[in-house]
C-alpha atoms as a PDB file:
ATOM      1  CA  MET A   1     -70.797 -30.353  92.520  1.00  0.00           C
ATOM      2  CA  TYR A   2     -70.339 -26.725  91.599  1.00  0.00           C
ATOM      3  CA  GLN A   3     -72.466 -23.619  91.565  1.00  0.00           C
ATOM      4  CA  GLN A   4     -72.401 -20.607  89.326  1.00  0.00           C
ATOM      5  CA  ASN A   5     -74.864 -17.755  89.774  1.00  0.00           C
ATOM      6  CA  GLN A   6     -77.368 -19.875  91.741  1.00  0.00           C
ATOM      7  CA  ILE A   7     -77.139 -22.720  89.203  1.00  0.00           C
ATOM      8  CA  MET A   8     -76.132 -26.015  90.743  1.00  0.00           C
ATOM      9  CA  VAL A   9     -74.484 -28.803  88.748  1.00  0.00           C
ATOM     10  CA  GLU A  10     -73.809 -32.255  90.154  1.00  0.00           C
ATOM     11  CA  ARG A  11     -71.973 -35.059  88.376  1.00  0.00           C
ATOM     12  CA  GLN A  12     -73.338 -38.521  89.070  1.00  0.00           C
ATOM     13  CA  SER A  13     -72.769 -42.028  87.821  1.00  0.00           C
ATOM     14  CA  ILE A  14     -75.988 -43.755  86.814  1.00  0.00           C
ATOM     15  CA  LYS A  15     -75.770 -47.359  85.653  1.00  0.00           C
ATOM     16  CA  GLY A  16     -72.103 -46.868  84.818  1.00  0.00           C
ATOM     17  CA  LYS A  17     -72.607 -43.694  82.779  1.00  0.00           C
ATOM     18  CA  GLU A  18     -71.481 -40.236  83.838  1.00  0.00           C
ATOM     19  CA  VAL A  19     -74.263 -37.648  83.759  1.00  0.00           C
ATOM     20  CA  TRP A  20     -74.500 -34.097  84.971  1.00  0.00           C
ATOM     21  CA  LEU A  21     -77.647 -32.910  86.677  1.00  0.00           C
ATOM     22  CA  LYS A  22     -78.218 -29.173  86.576  1.00  0.00           C
ATOM     23  CA  VAL A  23     -80.685 -27.331  88.803  1.00  0.00           C
ATOM     24  CA  ASP A  24     -81.781 -23.814  87.900  1.00  0.00           C
ATOM     25  CA  PRO A  25     -83.928 -21.387  89.903  1.00  0.00           C
ATOM     26  CA  TYR A  26     -87.268 -20.623  88.258  1.00  0.00           C
ATOM     27  CA  HIS A  27     -89.086 -17.489  89.377  1.00  0.00           C
ATOM     28  CA  VAL A  28     -92.858 -17.233  89.209  1.00  0.00           C
ATOM     29  CA  GLN A  29     -94.603 -13.887  88.974  1.00  0.00           C
ATOM     30  CA  ARG A  30     -97.668 -13.836  91.200  1.00  0.00           C
ATOM     31  CA  PRO A  31    -100.426 -11.199  91.102  1.00  0.00           C
ATOM     32  CA  ASN A  32    -100.232 -11.179  94.897  1.00  0.00           C
ATOM     33  CA  PRO A  33     -96.606 -11.221  96.157  1.00  0.00           C
ATOM     34  CA  ASN A  34     -97.767 -12.779  99.443  1.00  0.00           C
ATOM     35  CA  ILE A  35     -98.623 -16.056  97.709  1.00  0.00           C
ATOM     36  CA  ILE A  36     -95.734 -18.442  98.090  1.00  0.00           C
ATOM     37  CA  PRO A  37     -93.671 -19.986  96.760  1.00  0.00           C
ATOM     38  CA  THR A  38     -92.470 -17.542  94.145  1.00  0.00           C
ATOM     39  CA  GLU A  39     -89.306 -19.492  93.397  1.00  0.00           C
ATOM     40  CA  TYR A  40     -89.206 -23.032  92.113  1.00  0.00           C
ATOM     41  CA  PHE A  41     -86.419 -25.066  90.551  1.00  0.00           C
ATOM     42  CA  THR A  42     -86.038 -26.926  87.281  1.00  0.00           C
ATOM     43  CA  ALA A  43     -83.735 -29.825  86.468  1.00  0.00           C
ATOM     44  CA  SER A  44     -81.857 -30.785  83.312  1.00  0.00           C
ATOM     45  CA  TYR A  45     -79.464 -33.594  82.539  1.00  0.00           C
ATOM     46  CA  TYR A  46     -76.377 -33.648  80.348  1.00  0.00           C
ATOM     47  CA  LEU A  47     -74.179 -36.430  79.012  1.00  0.00           C
ATOM     48  CA  GLN A  48     -71.141 -34.122  79.161  1.00  0.00           C
ATOM     49  CA  ASP A  49     -70.201 -31.310  81.523  1.00  0.00           C
ATOM     50  CA  PRO A  50     -72.645 -28.424  80.891  1.00  0.00           C
ATOM     51  CA  GLY A  51     -69.767 -26.003  81.404  1.00  0.00           C
ATOM     52  CA  TYR A  52     -68.606 -26.833  77.873  1.00  0.00           C
ATOM     53  CA  GLU A  53     -69.836 -24.615  75.087  1.00  0.00           C
ATOM     54  CA  ASN A  54     -71.470 -27.340  72.979  1.00  0.00           C
ATOM     55  CA  ALA A  55     -73.030 -29.320  75.828  1.00  0.00           C
ATOM     56  CA  ASP A  56     -76.652 -30.137  75.041  1.00  0.00           C
ATOM     57  CA  GLY A  57     -78.971 -30.859  77.915  1.00  0.00           C
ATOM     58  CA  GLU A  58     -82.453 -32.206  78.259  1.00  0.00           C
ATOM     59  CA  ALA A  59     -84.906 -30.523  80.617  1.00  0.00           C
ATOM     60  CA  ILE A  60     -87.039 -32.694  82.879  1.00  0.00           C
ATOM     61  CA  LYS A  61     -90.682 -32.213  81.898  1.00  0.00           C
ATOM     62  CA  ASP A  62     -94.000 -33.131  83.441  1.00  0.00           C
ATOM     63  CA  GLU A  63     -96.675 -35.379  81.917  1.00  0.00           C
ATOM     64  CA  ASN A  64     -97.975 -32.427  79.842  1.00  0.00           C
ATOM     65  CA  GLY A  65     -94.576 -31.685  78.302  1.00  0.00           C
ATOM     66  CA  GLU A  66     -94.086 -28.548  80.402  1.00  0.00           C
ATOM     67  CA  LEU A  67     -91.052 -27.860  82.579  1.00  0.00           C
ATOM     68  CA  LYS A  68     -91.418 -29.819  85.806  1.00  0.00           C
ATOM     69  CA  LEU A  69     -91.164 -27.441  88.759  1.00  0.00           C
ATOM     70  CA  PHE A  70     -89.737 -28.461  92.121  1.00  0.00           C
ATOM     71  CA  GLU A  71     -89.944 -26.721  95.480  1.00  0.00           C
ATOM     72  CA  SER A  72     -86.311 -27.420  96.366  1.00  0.00           C
ATOM     73  CA  PRO A  73     -83.009 -28.232  94.650  1.00  0.00           C
ATOM     74  CA  VAL A  74     -82.899 -31.549  96.525  1.00  0.00           C
ATOM     75  CA  ALA A  75     -86.317 -32.547  95.183  1.00  0.00           C
ATOM     76  CA  ALA A  76     -85.188 -31.622  91.648  1.00  0.00           C
ATOM     77  CA  LEU A  77     -81.991 -33.701  91.905  1.00  0.00           C
ATOM     78  CA  SER A  78     -83.783 -36.690  93.422  1.00  0.00           C
ATOM     79  CA  PHE A  79     -86.501 -36.739  90.785  1.00  0.00           C
ATOM     80  CA  ALA A  80     -84.013 -36.271  87.925  1.00  0.00           C
ATOM     81  CA  ARG A  81     -81.862 -39.147  89.170  1.00  0.00           C
ATOM     82  CA  LYS A  82     -84.840 -41.515  89.518  1.00  0.00           C
ATOM     83  CA  ASN A  83     -86.076 -40.469  86.092  1.00  0.00           C
ATOM     84  CA  LEU A  84     -82.680 -41.190  84.510  1.00  0.00           C
ATOM     85  CA  GLU A  85     -82.348 -44.528  86.309  1.00  0.00           C
ATOM     86  CA  ASN A  86     -85.617 -45.595  84.698  1.00  0.00           C
ATOM     87  CA  MET A  87     -84.566 -44.310  81.249  1.00  0.00           C
ATOM     88  CA  MET A  88     -81.116 -45.910  81.121  1.00  0.00           C
END
């Protein structure tokens, strides 16, 4: 696992294939700053290290095709892994 500028990347083996799961912070602008949370997280997966220039990733989306938002990095990683286990 490594982090760069609040981005977390974790390499995992899923069904014998190496994948990289990337979690990014996602800030939400609220009309009232006292409404929380204002920061969520998104998850993407890559079939090669996302640190490489040409690495293409796929964002995890919800049932409406929008970015799926998570309240914690752990929730994002867990959901992404389960999603990939079902896809592979």
